[in-house]
Amino acid sequence: MKIYRLDQVMNATGLARSTIYKFISQGTFPKPIPLGDRCVGWLESEILDWIMRKVEERDSTT
């Protein structure tokens, strides 16, 4: 199990920080895991699953 920090999530998804947090507040993106007082991370598997769902959505509409 691997934890991604925000910069890694941004690189993996191509999304900006503000977009990631907007999607989190909308409930359409994995919630971060608190790692410390001012530190969060995301499970790699949840980010990869989110990306795969986006691919499946794209493929189901064509």
PDB file of N, CA and C in Angstrom:
ATOM      1  N   MET A   1       0.850  -1.164   0.000  1.00  0.00           N
ATOM      2  CA  MET A   1       0.000   0.000   0.000  1.00  0.00           C
ATOM      3  C   MET A   1       0.899   1.232   0.000  1.00  0.00           C
ATOM      4  N   LYS A   2       0.563   2.183  -0.897  1.00  0.00           N
ATOM      5  CA  LYS A   2       1.376   3.380  -1.026  1.00  0.00           C
ATOM      6  C   LYS A   2       0.503   4.615  -0.838  1.00  0.00           C
ATOM      7  N   ILE A   3       1.074   5.640  -0.233  1.00  0.00           N
ATOM      8  CA  ILE A   3       0.355   6.894  -0.028  1.00  0.00           C
ATOM      9  C   ILE A   3       0.942   7.945  -0.952  1.00  0.00           C
ATOM     10  N   TYR A   4       0.052   8.624  -1.683  1.00  0.00           N
ATOM     11  CA  TYR A   4       0.449   9.733  -2.550  1.00  0.00           C
ATOM     12  C   TYR A   4       0.264  11.040  -1.799  1.00  0.00           C
ATOM     13  N   ARG A   5       1.212  11.949  -1.948  1.00  0.00           N
ATOM     14  CA  ARG A   5       1.051  13.310  -1.462  1.00  0.00           C
ATOM     15  C   ARG A   5       0.390  14.119  -2.584  1.00  0.00           C
ATOM     16  N   LEU A   6       0.011  15.349  -2.286  1.00  0.00           N
ATOM     17  CA  LEU A   6      -0.760  16.152  -3.222  1.00  0.00           C
ATOM     18  C   LEU A   6      -0.072  16.300  -4.572  1.00  0.00           C
ATOM     19  N   ASP A   7       1.230  16.557  -4.586  1.00  0.00           N
ATOM     20  CA  ASP A   7       1.918  16.726  -5.871  1.00  0.00           C
ATOM     21  C   ASP A   7       1.865  15.459  -6.712  1.00  0.00           C
ATOM     22  N   GLN A   8       1.923  14.303  -6.071  1.00  0.00           N
ATOM     23  CA  GLN A   8       1.831  13.039  -6.803  1.00  0.00           C
ATOM     24  C   GLN A   8       0.412  12.817  -7.338  1.00  0.00           C
ATOM     25  N   VAL A   9      -0.593  13.216  -6.551  1.00  0.00           N
ATOM     26  CA  VAL A   9      -1.982  13.109  -7.009  1.00  0.00           C
ATOM     27  C   VAL A   9      -2.192  14.020  -8.218  1.00  0.00           C
ATOM     28  N   MET A  10      -1.648  15.235  -8.147  1.00  0.00           N
ATOM     29  CA  MET A  10      -1.770  16.173  -9.262  1.00  0.00           C
ATOM     30  C   MET A  10      -1.094  15.619 -10.514  1.00  0.00           C
ATOM     31  N   ASN A  11       0.084  15.027 -10.355  1.00  0.00           N
ATOM     32  CA  ASN A  11       0.792  14.444 -11.500  1.00  0.00           C
ATOM     33  C   ASN A  11       0.041  13.250 -12.079  1.00  0.00           C
ATOM     34  N   ALA A  12      -0.517  12.409 -11.214  1.00  0.00           N
ATOM     35  CA  ALA A  12      -1.208  11.195 -11.668  1.00  0.00           C
ATOM     36  C   ALA A  12      -2.512  11.528 -12.396  1.00  0.00           C
ATOM     37  N   THR A  13      -3.208  12.560 -11.927  1.00  0.00           N
ATOM     38  CA  THR A  13      -4.537  12.868 -12.476  1.00  0.00           C
ATOM     39  C   THR A  13      -4.520  13.981 -13.517  1.00  0.00           C
ATOM     40  N   GLY A  14      -3.508  14.828 -13.475  1.00  0.00           N
ATOM     41  CA  GLY A  14      -3.480  15.994 -14.353  1.00  0.00           C
ATOM     42  C   GLY A  14      -4.367  17.121 -13.858  1.00  0.00           C
ATOM     43  N   LEU A  15      -4.858  16.994 -12.628  1.00  0.00           N
ATOM     44  CA  LEU A  15      -5.745  18.009 -12.067  1.00  0.00           C
ATOM     45  C   LEU A  15      -4.954  19.011 -11.230  1.00  0.00           C
ATOM     46  N   ALA A  16      -5.498  20.226 -11.130  1.00  0.00           N
ATOM     47  CA  ALA A  16      -4.919  21.245 -10.274  1.00  0.00           C
ATOM     48  C   ALA A  16      -5.375  21.018  -8.834  1.00  0.00           C
ATOM     49  N   ARG A  17      -4.665  21.597  -7.888  1.00  0.00           N
ATOM     50  CA  ARG A  17      -4.990  21.473  -6.467  1.00  0.00           C
ATOM     51  C   ARG A  17      -6.425  21.896  -6.195  1.00  0.00           C
ATOM     52  N   SER A  18      -6.819  23.044  -6.733  1.00  0.00           N
ATOM     53  CA  SER A  18      -8.167  23.551  -6.470  1.00  0.00           C
ATOM     54  C   SER A  18      -9.238  22.613  -7.019  1.00  0.00           C
ATOM     55  N   THR A  19      -8.982  22.003  -8.153  1.00  0.00           N
ATOM     56  CA  THR A  19      -9.944  21.071  -8.748  1.00  0.00           C
ATOM     57  C   THR A  19     -10.062  19.807  -7.909  1.00  0.00           C
ATOM     58  N   ILE A  20      -8.949  19.322  -7.411  1.00  0.00           N
ATOM     59  CA  ILE A  20      -8.966  18.132  -6.554  1.00  0.00           C
ATOM     60  C   ILE A  20      -9.829  18.389  -5.332  1.00  0.00           C
ATOM     61  N   TYR A  21      -9.612  19.521  -4.663  1.00  0.00           N
ATOM     62  CA  TYR A  21     -10.386  19.824  -3.463  1.00  0.00           C
ATOM     63  C   TYR A  21     -11.846  20.126  -3.782  1.00  0.00           C
ATOM     64  N   LYS A  22     -12.121  20.683  -4.959  1.00  0.00           N
ATOM     65  CA  LYS A  22     -13.508  20.889  -5.377  1.00  0.00           C
ATOM     66  C   LYS A  22     -14.206  19.552  -5.566  1.00  0.00           C
ATOM     67  N   PHE A  23     -13.549  18.620  -6.244  1.00  0.00           N
ATOM     68  CA  PHE A  23     -14.118  17.285  -6.445  1.00  0.00           C
ATOM     69  C   PHE A  23     -14.317  16.550  -5.114  1.00  0.00           C
ATOM     70  N   ILE A  24     -13.392  16.733  -4.172  1.00  0.00           N
ATOM     71  CA  ILE A  24     -13.545  16.116  -2.852  1.00  0.00           C
ATOM     72  C   ILE A  24     -14.799  16.651  -2.177  1.00  0.00           C
ATOM     73  N   SER A  25     -14.992  17.977  -2.229  1.00  0.00           N
ATOM     74  CA  SER A  25     -16.168  18.565  -1.578  1.00  0.00           C
ATOM     75  C   SER A  25     -17.462  18.139  -2.252  1.00  0.00           C
ATOM     76  N   GLN A  26     -17.397  17.822  -3.560  1.00  0.00           N
ATOM     77  CA  GLN A  26     -18.567  17.337  -4.293  1.00  0.00           C
ATOM     78  C   GLN A  26     -18.790  15.839  -4.071  1.00  0.00           C
ATOM     79  N   GLY A  27     -17.836  15.178  -3.452  1.00  0.00           N
ATOM     80  CA  GLY A  27     -17.949  13.746  -3.201  1.00  0.00           C
ATOM     81  C   GLY A  27     -17.606  12.882  -4.394  1.00  0.00           C
ATOM     82  N   THR A  28     -16.879  13.450  -5.373  1.00  0.00           N
ATOM     83  CA  THR A  28     -16.553  12.703  -6.589  1.00  0.00           C
ATOM     84  C   THR A  28     -15.075  12.322  -6.681  1.00  0.00           C
ATOM     85  N   PHE A  29     -14.331  12.540  -5.615  1.00  0.00           N
ATOM     86  CA  PHE A  29     -12.901  12.224  -5.599  1.00  0.00           C
ATOM     87  C   PHE A  29     -12.578  11.639  -4.228  1.00  0.00           C
ATOM     88  N   PRO A  30     -11.612  10.723  -4.152  1.00  0.00           N
ATOM     89  CA  PRO A  30     -11.271  10.119  -2.864  1.00  0.00           C
ATOM     90  C   PRO A  30     -10.871  11.161  -1.816  1.00  0.00           C
ATOM     91  N   LYS A  31     -11.316  10.933  -0.593  1.00  0.00           N
ATOM     92  CA  LYS A  31     -10.963  11.830   0.508  1.00  0.00           C
ATOM     93  C   LYS A  31      -9.532  11.566   0.950  1.00  0.00           C
ATOM     94  N   PRO A  32      -8.833  12.627   1.358  1.00  0.00           N
ATOM     95  CA  PRO A  32      -7.469  12.426   1.852  1.00  0.00           C
ATOM     96  C   PRO A  32      -7.453  11.777   3.230  1.00  0.00           C
ATOM     97  N   ILE A  33      -6.312  11.185   3.553  1.00  0.00           N
ATOM     98  CA  ILE A  33      -6.083  10.554   4.847  1.00  0.00           C
ATOM     99  C   ILE A  33      -5.208  11.492   5.670  1.00  0.00           C
ATOM    100  N   PRO A  34      -5.647  11.875   6.857  1.00  0.00           N
ATOM    101  CA  PRO A  34      -4.788  12.717   7.698  1.00  0.00           C
ATOM    102  C   PRO A  34      -3.531  11.953   8.115  1.00  0.00           C
ATOM    103  N   LEU A  35      -2.378  12.555   7.896  1.00  0.00           N
ATOM    104  CA  LEU A  35      -1.109  11.913   8.248  1.00  0.00           C
ATOM    105  C   LEU A  35      -0.424  12.610   9.409  1.00  0.00           C
ATOM    106  N   GLY A  36      -0.826  13.817   9.677  1.00  0.00           N
ATOM    107  CA  GLY A  36      -0.225  14.595  10.757  1.00  0.00           C
ATOM    108  C   GLY A  36      -1.022  15.869  10.943  1.00  0.00           C
ATOM    109  N   ASP A  37      -0.454  16.817  11.695  1.00  0.00           N
ATOM    110  CA  ASP A  37      -1.165  18.054  11.977  1.00  0.00           C
ATOM    111  C   ASP A  37      -1.553  18.811  10.707  1.00  0.00           C
ATOM    112  N   ARG A  38      -0.642  18.942   9.777  1.00  0.00           N
ATOM    113  CA  ARG A  38      -0.920  19.688   8.547  1.00  0.00           C
ATOM    114  C   ARG A  38      -0.489  18.894   7.314  1.00  0.00           C
ATOM    115  N   CYS A  39      -0.733  17.606   7.371  1.00  0.00           N
ATOM    116  CA  CYS A  39      -0.240  16.715   6.320  1.00  0.00           C
ATOM    117  C   CYS A  39      -1.312  15.683   5.978  1.00  0.00           C
ATOM    118  N   VAL A  40      -1.616  15.574   4.682  1.00  0.00           N
ATOM    119  CA  VAL A  40      -2.571  14.562   4.234  1.00  0.00           C
ATOM    120  C   VAL A  40      -1.974  13.795   3.064  1.00  0.00           C
ATOM    121  N   GLY A  41      -2.567  12.651   2.789  1.00  0.00           N
ATOM    122  CA  GLY A  41      -2.160  11.837   1.657  1.00  0.00           C
ATOM    123  C   GLY A  41      -3.356  11.065   1.144  1.00  0.00           C
ATOM    124  N   TRP A  42      -3.190  10.448  -0.006  1.00  0.00           N
ATOM    125  CA  TRP A  42      -4.243   9.649  -0.625  1.00  0.00           C
ATOM    126  C   TRP A  42      -3.690   8.265  -0.914  1.00  0.00           C
ATOM    127  N   LEU A  43      -4.533   7.254  -0.757  1.00  0.00           N
ATOM    128  CA  LEU A  43      -4.105   5.905  -1.113  1.00  0.00           C
ATOM    129  C   LEU A  43      -3.939   5.817  -2.628  1.00  0.00           C
ATOM    130  N   GLU A  44      -2.806   5.283  -3.047  1.00  0.00           N
ATOM    131  CA  GLU A  44      -2.521   5.122  -4.466  1.00  0.00           C
ATOM    132  C   GLU A  44      -3.635   4.332  -5.148  1.00  0.00           C
ATOM    133  N   SER A  45      -4.102   3.281  -4.500  1.00  0.00           N
ATOM    134  CA  SER A  45      -5.126   2.425  -5.104  1.00  0.00           C
ATOM    135  C   SER A  45      -6.428   3.194  -5.343  1.00  0.00           C
ATOM    136  N   GLU A  46      -6.797   4.099  -4.450  1.00  0.00           N
ATOM    137  CA  GLU A  46      -8.020   4.880  -4.636  1.00  0.00           C
ATOM    138  C   GLU A  46      -7.878   5.871  -5.779  1.00  0.00           C
ATOM    139  N   ILE A  47      -6.685   6.443  -5.923  1.00  0.00           N
ATOM    140  CA  ILE A  47      -6.448   7.378  -7.036  1.00  0.00           C
ATOM    141  C   ILE A  47      -6.475   6.626  -8.362  1.00  0.00           C
ATOM    142  N   LEU A  48      -5.827   5.472  -8.415  1.00  0.00           N
ATOM    143  CA  LEU A  48      -5.820   4.682  -9.652  1.00  0.00           C
ATOM    144  C   LEU A  48      -7.223   4.185  -9.998  1.00  0.00           C
ATOM    145  N   ASP A  49      -8.013   3.812  -8.982  1.00  0.00           N
ATOM    146  CA  ASP A  49      -9.407   3.412  -9.217  1.00  0.00           C
ATOM    147  C   ASP A  49     -10.214   4.581  -9.785  1.00  0.00           C
ATOM    148  N   TRP A  50     -10.002   5.785  -9.270  1.00  0.00           N
ATOM    149  CA  TRP A  50     -10.709   6.966  -9.753  1.00  0.00           C
ATOM    150  C   TRP A  50     -10.374   7.209 -11.228  1.00  0.00           C
ATOM    151  N   ILE A  51      -9.090   7.081 -11.562  1.00  0.00           N
ATOM    152  CA  ILE A  51      -8.666   7.261 -12.957  1.00  0.00           C
ATOM    153  C   ILE A  51      -9.335   6.212 -13.852  1.00  0.00           C
ATOM    154  N   MET A  52      -9.373   4.960 -13.407  1.00  0.00           N
ATOM    155  CA  MET A  52      -9.990   3.894 -14.203  1.00  0.00           C
ATOM    156  C   MET A  52     -11.491   4.131 -14.386  1.00  0.00           C
ATOM    157  N   ARG A  53     -12.167   4.659 -13.361  1.00  0.00           N
ATOM    158  CA  ARG A  53     -13.594   4.985 -13.504  1.00  0.00           C
ATOM    159  C   ARG A  53     -13.797   6.060 -14.561  1.00  0.00           C
ATOM    160  N   LYS A  54     -12.886   7.033 -14.617  1.00  0.00           N
ATOM    161  CA  LYS A  54     -12.971   8.084 -15.644  1.00  0.00           C
ATOM    162  C   LYS A  54     -12.804   7.486 -17.041  1.00  0.00           C
ATOM    163  N   VAL A  55     -11.905   6.541 -17.186  1.00  0.00           N
ATOM    164  CA  VAL A  55     -11.700   5.865 -18.469  1.00  0.00           C
ATOM    165  C   VAL A  55     -12.952   5.073 -18.840  1.00  0.00           C
ATOM    166  N   GLU A  56     -13.524   4.369 -17.863  1.00  0.00           N
ATOM    167  CA  GLU A  56     -14.748   3.579 -18.118  1.00  0.00           C
ATOM    168  C   GLU A  56     -15.912   4.498 -18.499  1.00  0.00           C
ATOM    169  N   GLU A  57     -16.017   5.668 -17.841  1.00  0.00           N
ATOM    170  CA  GLU A  57     -17.064   6.632 -18.210  1.00  0.00           C
ATOM    171  C   GLU A  57     -16.894   7.098 -19.636  1.00  0.00           C
ATOM    172  N   ARG A  58     -15.659   7.393 -20.013  1.00  0.00           N
ATOM    173  CA  ARG A  58     -15.368   7.822 -21.375  1.00  0.00           C
ATOM    174  C   ARG A  58     -15.750   6.742 -22.380  1.00  0.00           C
ATOM    175  N   ASP A  59     -15.376   5.509 -22.082  1.00  0.00           N
ATOM    176  CA  ASP A  59     -15.620   4.414 -23.011  1.00  0.00           C
ATOM    177  C   ASP A  59     -17.095   4.054 -23.106  1.00  0.00           C
ATOM    178  N   SER A  60     -17.849   4.262 -22.051  1.00  0.00           N
ATOM    179  CA  SER A  60     -19.274   3.898 -22.076  1.00  0.00           C
ATOM    180  C   SER A  60     -20.109   4.932 -22.835  1.00  0.00           C
ATOM    181  N   THR A  61     -19.579   6.121 -23.048  1.00  0.00           N
ATOM    182  CA  THR A  61     -20.340   7.160 -23.766  1.00  0.00           C
ATOM    183  C   THR A  61     -20.038   7.174 -25.256  1.00  0.00           C
ATOM    184  N   THR A  62     -19.064   6.390 -25.686  1.00  0.00           N
ATOM    185  CA  THR A  62     -18.742   6.405 -27.128  1.00  0.00           C
ATOM    186  C   THR A  62     -19.390   5.263 -27.866  1.00  0.00           C
TER     187      THR A  62
END
